[in-house]
């Protein structure tokens, strides 16, 4: 049928059929993705792993149970970077 319309050459009709099929598949996959995202909003947020050890260390530091030096030493041992702590007697320009 398509070959008769195109004058005996079925290639253009075949290409149009493939493009239409591709668009239908793309529309279906997009609709499924939108439906899944709207039915489960918790998947929108990236999964973040928070280390409970550093959380507890920060909490102890915030409660005043450990000092600057102990916090910095333990955080470094755990592999977390710590900011440079200014000396009590230093001036803002000397940091």
PDB file of N, CA and C in Angstrom:
ATOM      1  N   UNK A   1       0.823  -1.185   0.000  1.00  0.00           N
ATOM      2  CA  UNK A   1       0.000   0.000   0.000  1.00  0.00           C
ATOM      3  C   UNK A   1       0.874   1.258   0.000  1.00  0.00           C
ATOM      4  N   UNK A   2       1.856   1.340   0.935  1.00  0.00           N
ATOM      5  CA  UNK A   2       2.723   2.521   0.966  1.00  0.00           C
ATOM      6  C   UNK A   2       3.590   2.590  -0.281  1.00  0.00           C
ATOM      7  N   UNK A   3       4.016   1.437  -0.756  1.00  0.00           N
ATOM      8  CA  UNK A   3       4.871   1.423  -1.947  1.00  0.00           C
ATOM      9  C   UNK A   3       4.123   1.958  -3.162  1.00  0.00           C
ATOM     10  N   UNK A   4       2.823   1.692  -3.251  1.00  0.00           N
ATOM     11  CA  UNK A   4       2.035   2.187  -4.371  1.00  0.00           C
ATOM     12  C   UNK A   4       1.878   3.702  -4.302  1.00  0.00           C
ATOM     13  N   UNK A   5       1.745   4.250  -3.098  1.00  0.00           N
ATOM     14  CA  UNK A   5       1.577   5.697  -2.941  1.00  0.00           C
ATOM     15  C   UNK A   5       2.867   6.416  -3.298  1.00  0.00           C
ATOM     16  N   UNK A   6       4.004   5.859  -2.937  1.00  0.00           N
ATOM     17  CA  UNK A   6       5.295   6.496  -3.172  1.00  0.00           C
ATOM     18  C   UNK A   6       5.854   6.189  -4.562  1.00  0.00           C
ATOM     19  N   UNK A   7       5.153   5.534  -5.355  1.00  0.00           N
ATOM     20  CA  UNK A   7       5.626   5.263  -6.707  1.00  0.00           C
ATOM     21  C   UNK A   7       6.551   4.065  -6.772  1.00  0.00           C
ATOM     22  N   UNK A   8       6.376   3.099  -5.917  1.00  0.00           N
ATOM     23  CA  UNK A   8       7.174   1.882  -5.983  1.00  0.00           C
ATOM     24  C   UNK A   8       8.362   1.859  -5.045  1.00  0.00           C
ATOM     25  N   UNK A   9       8.707   2.950  -4.405  1.00  0.00           N
ATOM     26  CA  UNK A   9       9.848   2.986  -3.497  1.00  0.00           C
ATOM     27  C   UNK A   9       9.319   2.993  -2.068  1.00  0.00           C
ATOM     28  N   UNK A  10       9.573   1.923  -1.318  1.00  0.00           N
ATOM     29  CA  UNK A  10       9.043   1.779   0.035  1.00  0.00           C
ATOM     30  C   UNK A  10       9.958   2.385   1.108  1.00  0.00           C
ATOM     31  N   UNK A  11      11.148   2.806   0.745  1.00  0.00           N
ATOM     32  CA  UNK A  11      12.106   3.321   1.726  1.00  0.00           C
ATOM     33  C   UNK A  11      11.608   4.563   2.469  1.00  0.00           C
ATOM     34  N   UNK A  12      11.083   5.597   1.814  1.00  0.00           N
ATOM     35  CA  UNK A  12      10.590   6.758   2.574  1.00  0.00           C
ATOM     36  C   UNK A  12       9.452   6.405   3.531  1.00  0.00           C
ATOM     37  N   UNK A  13       8.555   5.547   3.123  1.00  0.00           N
ATOM     38  CA  UNK A  13       7.458   5.150   3.995  1.00  0.00           C
ATOM     39  C   UNK A  13       7.987   4.358   5.190  1.00  0.00           C
ATOM     40  N   UNK A  14       8.986   3.529   4.962  1.00  0.00           N
ATOM     41  CA  UNK A  14       9.595   2.749   6.047  1.00  0.00           C
ATOM     42  C   UNK A  14      10.258   3.680   7.063  1.00  0.00           C
ATOM     43  N   UNK A  15      10.975   4.687   6.583  1.00  0.00           N
ATOM     44  CA  UNK A  15      11.656   5.643   7.471  1.00  0.00           C
ATOM     45  C   UNK A  15      10.627   6.429   8.280  1.00  0.00           C
ATOM     46  N   UNK A  16       9.544   6.864   7.660  1.00  0.00           N
ATOM     47  CA  UNK A  16       8.492   7.592   8.376  1.00  0.00           C
ATOM     48  C   UNK A  16       7.871   6.689   9.438  1.00  0.00           C
ATOM     49  N   UNK A  17       7.658   5.424   9.112  1.00  0.00           N
ATOM     50  CA  UNK A  17       7.099   4.480  10.082  1.00  0.00           C
ATOM     51  C   UNK A  17       8.016   4.289  11.276  1.00  0.00           C
ATOM     52  N   UNK A  18       9.328   4.196  11.039  1.00  0.00           N
ATOM     53  CA  UNK A  18      10.308   4.040  12.119  1.00  0.00           C
ATOM     54  C   UNK A  18      10.321   5.292  13.000  1.00  0.00           C
ATOM     55  N   UNK A  19      10.270   6.465  12.398  1.00  0.00           N
ATOM     56  CA  UNK A  19      10.265   7.716  13.167  1.00  0.00           C
ATOM     57  C   UNK A  19       9.011   7.800  14.033  1.00  0.00           C
ATOM     58  N   UNK A  20       7.869   7.461  13.481  1.00  0.00           N
ATOM     59  CA  UNK A  20       6.624   7.488  14.257  1.00  0.00           C
ATOM     60  C   UNK A  20       6.688   6.487  15.406  1.00  0.00           C
ATOM     61  N   UNK A  21       7.188   5.290  15.133  1.00  0.00           N
ATOM     62  CA  UNK A  21       7.326   4.280  16.188  1.00  0.00           C
ATOM     63  C   UNK A  21       8.275   4.774  17.289  1.00  0.00           C
ATOM     64  N   UNK A  22       9.379   5.398  16.915  1.00  0.00           N
ATOM     65  CA  UNK A  22      10.320   5.949  17.892  1.00  0.00           C
ATOM     66  C   UNK A  22       9.693   7.027  18.749  1.00  0.00           C
ATOM     67  N   UNK A  23       8.888   7.896  18.114  1.00  0.00           N
ATOM     68  CA  UNK A  23       8.212   8.951  18.876  1.00  0.00           C
ATOM     69  C   UNK A  23       7.189   8.372  19.845  1.00  0.00           C
ATOM     70  N   UNK A  24       6.481   7.326  19.434  1.00  0.00           N
ATOM     71  CA  UNK A  24       5.525   6.689  20.338  1.00  0.00           C
ATOM     72  C   UNK A  24       6.229   6.051  21.536  1.00  0.00           C
ATOM     73  N   UNK A  25       7.350   5.397  21.293  1.00  0.00           N
ATOM     74  CA  UNK A  25       8.117   4.781  22.391  1.00  0.00           C
ATOM     75  C   UNK A  25       8.643   5.861  23.334  1.00  0.00           C
ATOM     76  N   UNK A  26       9.162   6.953  22.778  1.00  0.00           N
ATOM     77  CA  UNK A  26       9.668   8.048  23.598  1.00  0.00           C
ATOM     78  C   UNK A  26       8.551   8.658  24.453  1.00  0.00           C
ATOM     79  N   UNK A  27       7.367   8.863  23.863  1.00  0.00           N
ATOM     80  CA  UNK A  27       6.244   9.435  24.608  1.00  0.00           C
ATOM     81  C   UNK A  27       5.809   8.495  25.727  1.00  0.00           C
ATOM     82  N   UNK A  28       5.770   7.200  25.443  1.00  0.00           N
ATOM     83  CA  UNK A  28       5.385   6.232  26.468  1.00  0.00           C
ATOM     84  C   UNK A  28       6.380   6.224  27.627  1.00  0.00           C
ATOM     85  N   UNK A  29       7.679   6.211  27.315  1.00  0.00           N
ATOM     86  CA  UNK A  29       8.701   6.189  28.368  1.00  0.00           C
ATOM     87  C   UNK A  29       8.663   7.470  29.195  1.00  0.00           C
ATOM     88  N   UNK A  30       8.436   8.606  28.561  1.00  0.00           N
ATOM     89  CA  UNK A  30       8.344   9.869  29.287  1.00  0.00           C
ATOM     90  C   UNK A  30       7.122   9.879  30.200  1.00  0.00           C
ATOM     91  N   UNK A  31       6.004   9.363  29.712  1.00  0.00           N
ATOM     92  CA  UNK A  31       4.795   9.311  30.541  1.00  0.00           C
ATOM     93  C   UNK A  31       4.999   8.407  31.754  1.00  0.00           C
ATOM     94  N   UNK A  32       5.655   7.268  31.565  1.00  0.00           N
ATOM     95  CA  UNK A  32       5.928   6.364  32.690  1.00  0.00           C
ATOM     96  C   UNK A  32       6.841   7.039  33.700  1.00  0.00           C
ATOM     97  N   UNK A  33       7.866   7.731  33.228  1.00  0.00           N
ATOM     98  CA  UNK A  33       8.809   8.408  34.127  1.00  0.00           C
ATOM     99  C   UNK A  33       8.100   9.493  34.945  1.00  0.00           C
ATOM    100  N   UNK A  34       7.241  10.281  34.306  1.00  0.00           N
ATOM    101  CA  UNK A  34       6.502  11.332  35.005  1.00  0.00           C
ATOM    102  C   UNK A  34       5.541  10.719  36.013  1.00  0.00           C
ATOM    103  N   UNK A  35       4.866   9.641  35.627  1.00  0.00           N
ATOM    104  CA  UNK A  35       3.923   8.985  36.526  1.00  0.00           C
ATOM    105  C   UNK A  35       4.635   8.421  37.755  1.00  0.00           C
ATOM    106  N   UNK A  36       5.799   7.773  37.556  1.00  0.00           N
ATOM    107  CA  UNK A  36       6.537   7.206  38.692  1.00  0.00           C
ATOM    108  C   UNK A  36       7.048   8.301  39.610  1.00  0.00           C
ATOM    109  N   UNK A  37       7.508   9.404  39.056  1.00  0.00           N
ATOM    110  CA  UNK A  37       8.028  10.497  39.876  1.00  0.00           C
ATOM    111  C   UNK A  37       6.918  11.150  40.685  1.00  0.00           C
ATOM    112  N   UNK A  38       5.729  11.284  40.115  1.00  0.00           N
ATOM    113  CA  UNK A  38       4.636  11.916  40.843  1.00  0.00           C
ATOM    114  C   UNK A  38       4.051  10.988  41.899  1.00  0.00           C
ATOM    115  N   UNK A  39       4.151   9.672  41.687  1.00  0.00           N
ATOM    116  CA  UNK A  39       3.600   8.748  42.671  1.00  0.00           C
ATOM    117  C   UNK A  39       4.559   8.473  43.824  1.00  0.00           C
ATOM    118  N   UNK A  40       5.846   8.785  43.649  1.00  0.00           N
ATOM    119  CA  UNK A  40       6.834   8.560  44.695  1.00  0.00           C
ATOM    120  C   UNK A  40       7.785   9.756  44.767  1.00  0.00           C
ATOM    121  N   UNK A  41       7.372  10.843  45.453  1.00  0.00           N
ATOM    122  CA  UNK A  41       8.183  12.058  45.463  1.00  0.00           C
ATOM    123  C   UNK A  41       9.506  11.918  46.198  1.00  0.00           C
ATOM    124  N   UNK A  42       9.685  10.877  47.006  1.00  0.00           N
ATOM    125  CA  UNK A  42      10.938  10.737  47.744  1.00  0.00           C
ATOM    126  C   UNK A  42      12.109  10.396  46.825  1.00  0.00           C
ATOM    127  N   UNK A  43      11.844   9.923  45.608  1.00  0.00           N
ATOM    128  CA  UNK A  43      12.926   9.594  44.690  1.00  0.00           C
ATOM    129  C   UNK A  43      13.509  10.838  44.035  1.00  0.00           C
ATOM    130  N   UNK A  44      12.860  12.000  44.198  1.00  0.00           N
ATOM    131  CA  UNK A  44      13.381  13.228  43.616  1.00  0.00           C
ATOM    132  C   UNK A  44      14.631  13.708  44.325  1.00  0.00           C
ATOM    133  N   UNK A  45      14.768  13.381  45.610  1.00  0.00           N
ATOM    134  CA  UNK A  45      15.905  13.847  46.385  1.00  0.00           C
ATOM    135  C   UNK A  45      17.081  12.892  46.223  1.00  0.00           C
ATOM    136  N   UNK A  46      18.268  13.430  46.050  1.00  0.00           N
ATOM    137  CA  UNK A  46      19.421  12.541  45.953  1.00  0.00           C
ATOM    138  C   UNK A  46      19.698  11.857  47.282  1.00  0.00           C
ATOM    139  N   UNK A  47      20.215  10.669  47.199  1.00  0.00           N
ATOM    140  CA  UNK A  47      20.546   9.923  48.408  1.00  0.00           C
ATOM    141  C   UNK A  47      21.872  10.435  48.960  1.00  0.00           C
ATOM    142  N   UNK A  48      21.849  10.900  50.188  1.00  0.00           N
ATOM    143  CA  UNK A  48      23.042  11.438  50.821  1.00  0.00           C
ATOM    144  C   UNK A  48      23.353  10.585  52.038  1.00  0.00           C
ATOM    145  N   UNK A  49      24.581  10.088  52.096  1.00  0.00           N
ATOM    146  CA  UNK A  49      24.994   9.298  53.245  1.00  0.00           C
ATOM    147  C   UNK A  49      25.683  10.220  54.241  1.00  0.00           C
ATOM    148  N   UNK A  50      25.152  10.286  55.449  1.00  0.00           N
ATOM    149  CA  UNK A  50      25.735  11.111  56.507  1.00  0.00           C
ATOM    150  C   UNK A  50      26.384  10.169  57.509  1.00  0.00           C
ATOM    151  N   UNK A  51      27.665  10.373  57.737  1.00  0.00           N
ATOM    152  CA  UNK A  51      28.420   9.527  58.650  1.00  0.00           C
ATOM    153  C   UNK A  51      27.980   9.805  60.084  1.00  0.00           C
ATOM    154  N   UNK A  52      27.457   8.800  60.798  1.00  0.00           N
ATOM    155  CA  UNK A  52      26.996   9.043  62.172  1.00  0.00           C
ATOM    156  C   UNK A  52      28.133   9.364  63.139  1.00  0.00           C
ATOM    157  N   UNK A  53      29.355   8.937  62.806  1.00  0.00           N
ATOM    158  CA  UNK A  53      30.495   9.203  63.694  1.00  0.00           C
ATOM    159  C   UNK A  53      30.821  10.690  63.714  1.00  0.00           C
ATOM    160  N   UNK A  54      30.901  11.312  62.529  1.00  0.00           N
ATOM    161  CA  UNK A  54      31.219  12.744  62.494  1.00  0.00           C
ATOM    162  C   UNK A  54      30.044  13.558  63.035  1.00  0.00           C
ATOM    163  N   UNK A  55      28.819  13.055  62.860  1.00  0.00           N
ATOM    164  CA  UNK A  55      27.652  13.742  63.417  1.00  0.00           C
ATOM    165  C   UNK A  55      27.727  13.760  64.937  1.00  0.00           C
ATOM    166  N   UNK A  56      28.088  12.640  65.538  1.00  0.00           N
ATOM    167  CA  UNK A  56      28.217  12.576  66.998  1.00  0.00           C
ATOM    168  C   UNK A  56      29.378  13.453  67.478  1.00  0.00           C
ATOM    169  N   UNK A  57      30.483  13.455  66.724  1.00  0.00           N
ATOM    170  CA  UNK A  57      31.625  14.297  67.098  1.00  0.00           C
ATOM    171  C   UNK A  57      31.227  15.769  67.078  1.00  0.00           C
ATOM    172  N   UNK A  58      30.497  16.169  66.057  1.00  0.00           N
ATOM    173  CA  UNK A  58      30.042  17.561  65.975  1.00  0.00           C
ATOM    174  C   UNK A  58      29.078  17.890  67.108  1.00  0.00           C
ATOM    175  N   UNK A  59      28.211  16.947  67.448  1.00  0.00           N
ATOM    176  CA  UNK A  59      27.259  17.178  68.538  1.00  0.00           C
ATOM    177  C   UNK A  59      27.992  17.328  69.870  1.00  0.00           C
ATOM    178  N   UNK A  60      29.004  16.489  70.125  1.00  0.00           N
ATOM    179  CA  UNK A  60      29.773  16.604  71.368  1.00  0.00           C
ATOM    180  C   UNK A  60      30.512  17.931  71.427  1.00  0.00           C
ATOM    181  N   UNK A  61      31.037  18.385  70.284  1.00  0.00           N
ATOM    182  CA  UNK A  61      31.722  19.667  70.234  1.00  0.00           C
ATOM    183  C   UNK A  61      30.727  20.806  70.495  1.00  0.00           C
ATOM    184  N   UNK A  62      29.537  20.699  69.912  1.00  0.00           N
ATOM    185  CA  UNK A  62      28.529  21.743  70.100  1.00  0.00           C
ATOM    186  C   UNK A  62      28.034  21.798  71.542  1.00  0.00           C
ATOM    187  N   UNK A  63      27.963  20.654  72.217  1.00  0.00           N
ATOM    188  CA  UNK A  63      27.527  20.628  73.614  1.00  0.00           C
ATOM    189  C   UNK A  63      28.635  21.070  74.566  1.00  0.00           C
ATOM    190  N   UNK A  64      29.855  21.204  74.070  1.00  0.00           N
ATOM    191  CA  UNK A  64      30.966  21.643  74.903  1.00  0.00           C
ATOM    192  C   UNK A  64      31.662  20.514  75.642  1.00  0.00           C
ATOM    193  N   UNK A  65      31.397  19.273  75.258  1.00  0.00           N
ATOM    194  CA  UNK A  65      32.022  18.141  75.931  1.00  0.00           C
ATOM    195  C   UNK A  65      33.456  17.919  75.490  1.00  0.00           C
ATOM    196  N   UNK A  66      33.815  18.411  74.294  1.00  0.00           N
ATOM    197  CA  UNK A  66      35.205  18.346  73.826  1.00  0.00           C
ATOM    198  C   UNK A  66      35.601  19.725  73.327  1.00  0.00           C
ATOM    199  N   UNK A  67      36.880  19.987  73.345  1.00  0.00           N
ATOM    200  CA  UNK A  67      37.390  21.285  72.928  1.00  0.00           C
ATOM    201  C   UNK A  67      37.797  21.305  71.463  1.00  0.00           C
ATOM    202  N   UNK A  68      38.316  22.472  71.040  1.00  0.00           N
ATOM    203  CA  UNK A  68      38.743  22.658  69.657  1.00  0.00           C
ATOM    204  C   UNK A  68      39.818  21.663  69.248  1.00  0.00           C
ATOM    205  N   UNK A  69      40.815  21.521  70.102  1.00  0.00           N
ATOM    206  CA  UNK A  69      41.949  20.644  69.760  1.00  0.00           C
ATOM    207  C   UNK A  69      41.509  19.193  69.599  1.00  0.00           C
ATOM    208  N   UNK A  70      40.706  18.710  70.542  1.00  0.00           N
ATOM    209  CA  UNK A  70      40.263  17.318  70.467  1.00  0.00           C
ATOM    210  C   UNK A  70      39.347  17.104  69.256  1.00  0.00           C
ATOM    211  N   UNK A  71      38.465  18.069  68.977  1.00  0.00           N
ATOM    212  CA  UNK A  71      37.589  17.964  67.819  1.00  0.00           C
ATOM    213  C   UNK A  71      38.407  17.904  66.534  1.00  0.00           C
ATOM    214  N   UNK A  72      39.369  18.821  66.394  1.00  0.00           N
ATOM    215  CA  UNK A  72      40.189  18.863  65.187  1.00  0.00           C
ATOM    216  C   UNK A  72      40.999  17.587  65.020  1.00  0.00           C
ATOM    217  N   UNK A  73      41.578  17.103  66.113  1.00  0.00           N
ATOM    218  CA  UNK A  73      42.396  15.890  66.048  1.00  0.00           C
ATOM    219  C   UNK A  73      41.554  14.687  65.631  1.00  0.00           C
ATOM    220  N   UNK A  74      40.387  14.524  66.243  1.00  0.00           N
ATOM    221  CA  UNK A  74      39.540  13.371  65.927  1.00  0.00           C
ATOM    222  C   UNK A  74      38.951  13.467  64.524  1.00  0.00           C
ATOM    223  N   UNK A  75      38.586  14.670  64.101  1.00  0.00           N
ATOM    224  CA  UNK A  75      38.049  14.843  62.752  1.00  0.00           C
ATOM    225  C   UNK A  75      39.110  14.516  61.710  1.00  0.00           C
ATOM    226  N   UNK A  76      40.356  14.946  61.955  1.00  0.00           N
ATOM    227  CA  UNK A  76      41.446  14.611  61.034  1.00  0.00           C
ATOM    228  C   UNK A  76      41.685  13.113  60.992  1.00  0.00           C
ATOM    229  N   UNK A  77      41.620  12.443  62.148  1.00  0.00           N
ATOM    230  CA  UNK A  77      41.795  10.989  62.190  1.00  0.00           C
ATOM    231  C   UNK A  77      40.701  10.268  61.404  1.00  0.00           C
ATOM    232  N   UNK A  78      39.508  10.832  61.406  1.00  0.00           N
ATOM    233  CA  UNK A  78      38.407  10.245  60.658  1.00  0.00           C
ATOM    234  C   UNK A  78      38.452  10.597  59.169  1.00  0.00           C
ATOM    235  N   UNK A  79      39.343  11.496  58.785  1.00  0.00           N
ATOM    236  CA  UNK A  79      39.494  11.858  57.379  1.00  0.00           C
ATOM    237  C   UNK A  79      38.670  13.041  56.937  1.00  0.00           C
ATOM    238  N   UNK A  80      38.197  13.847  57.876  1.00  0.00           N
ATOM    239  CA  UNK A  80      37.421  15.028  57.534  1.00  0.00           C
ATOM    240  C   UNK A  80      38.291  16.264  57.666  1.00  0.00           C
ATOM    241  N   UNK A  81      38.211  17.173  56.693  1.00  0.00           N
ATOM    242  CA  UNK A  81      39.008  18.402  56.791  1.00  0.00           C
ATOM    243  C   UNK A  81      38.454  19.314  57.882  1.00  0.00           C
ATOM    244  N   UNK A  82      39.339  19.989  58.555  1.00  0.00           N
ATOM    245  CA  UNK A  82      38.921  20.927  59.592  1.00  0.00           C
ATOM    246  C   UNK A  82      39.458  22.306  59.250  1.00  0.00           C
ATOM    247  N   UNK A  83      38.690  23.347  59.551  1.00  0.00           N
ATOM    248  CA  UNK A  83      39.188  24.693  59.277  1.00  0.00           C
ATOM    249  C   UNK A  83      40.310  25.044  60.243  1.00  0.00           C
ATOM    250  N   UNK A  84      41.173  25.937  59.801  1.00  0.00           N
ATOM    251  CA  UNK A  84      42.255  26.395  60.662  1.00  0.00           C
ATOM    252  C   UNK A  84      41.660  27.189  61.815  1.00  0.00           C
ATOM    253  N   UNK A  85      42.024  26.845  63.026  1.00  0.00           N
ATOM    254  CA  UNK A  85      41.505  27.510  64.216  1.00  0.00           C
ATOM    255  C   UNK A  85      42.480  28.616  64.600  1.00  0.00           C
ATOM    256  N   UNK A  86      41.929  29.808  64.809  1.00  0.00           N
ATOM    257  CA  UNK A  86      42.765  30.946  65.178  1.00  0.00           C
ATOM    258  C   UNK A  86      43.199  30.813  66.629  1.00  0.00           C
ATOM    259  N   UNK A  87      44.411  31.265  66.896  1.00  0.00           N
ATOM    260  CA  UNK A  87      44.937  31.274  68.252  1.00  0.00           C
ATOM    261  C   UNK A  87      44.215  32.364  69.047  1.00  0.00           C
ATOM    262  N   UNK A  88      44.080  32.179  70.344  1.00  0.00           N
ATOM    263  CA  UNK A  88      43.384  33.170  71.178  1.00  0.00           C
ATOM    264  C   UNK A  88      44.114  34.509  71.182  1.00  0.00           C
ATOM    265  N   UNK A  89      45.441  34.480  71.031  1.00  0.00           N
ATOM    266  CA  UNK A  89      46.232  35.712  71.129  1.00  0.00           C
ATOM    267  C   UNK A  89      46.561  36.299  69.751  1.00  0.00           C
ATOM    268  N   UNK A  90      46.080  35.691  68.700  1.00  0.00           N
ATOM    269  CA  UNK A  90      46.434  36.190  67.375  1.00  0.00           C
ATOM    270  C   UNK A  90      45.485  37.310  66.969  1.00  0.00           C
ATOM    271  N   UNK A  91      45.947  38.160  66.087  1.00  0.00           N
ATOM    272  CA  UNK A  91      45.131  39.244  65.565  1.00  0.00           C
ATOM    273  C   UNK A  91      44.523  38.782  64.254  1.00  0.00           C
ATOM    274  N   UNK A  92      43.434  39.414  63.809  1.00  0.00           N
ATOM    275  CA  UNK A  92      42.795  38.978  62.566  1.00  0.00           C
ATOM    276  C   UNK A  92      43.733  39.027  61.362  1.00  0.00           C
ATOM    277  N   UNK A  93      44.680  39.917  61.351  1.00  0.00           N
ATOM    278  CA  UNK A  93      45.612  40.024  60.213  1.00  0.00           C
ATOM    279  C   UNK A  93      46.655  38.929  60.195  1.00  0.00           C
ATOM    280  N   UNK A  94      46.887  38.254  61.317  1.00  0.00           N
ATOM    281  CA  UNK A  94      47.958  37.259  61.360  1.00  0.00           C
ATOM    282  C   UNK A  94      47.478  35.849  60.980  1.00  0.00           C
ATOM    283  N   UNK A  95      46.222  35.691  60.692  1.00  0.00           N
ATOM    284  CA  UNK A  95      45.700  34.362  60.347  1.00  0.00           C
ATOM    285  C   UNK A  95      45.985  34.034  58.926  1.00  0.00           C
TER     286      UNK A  95
END
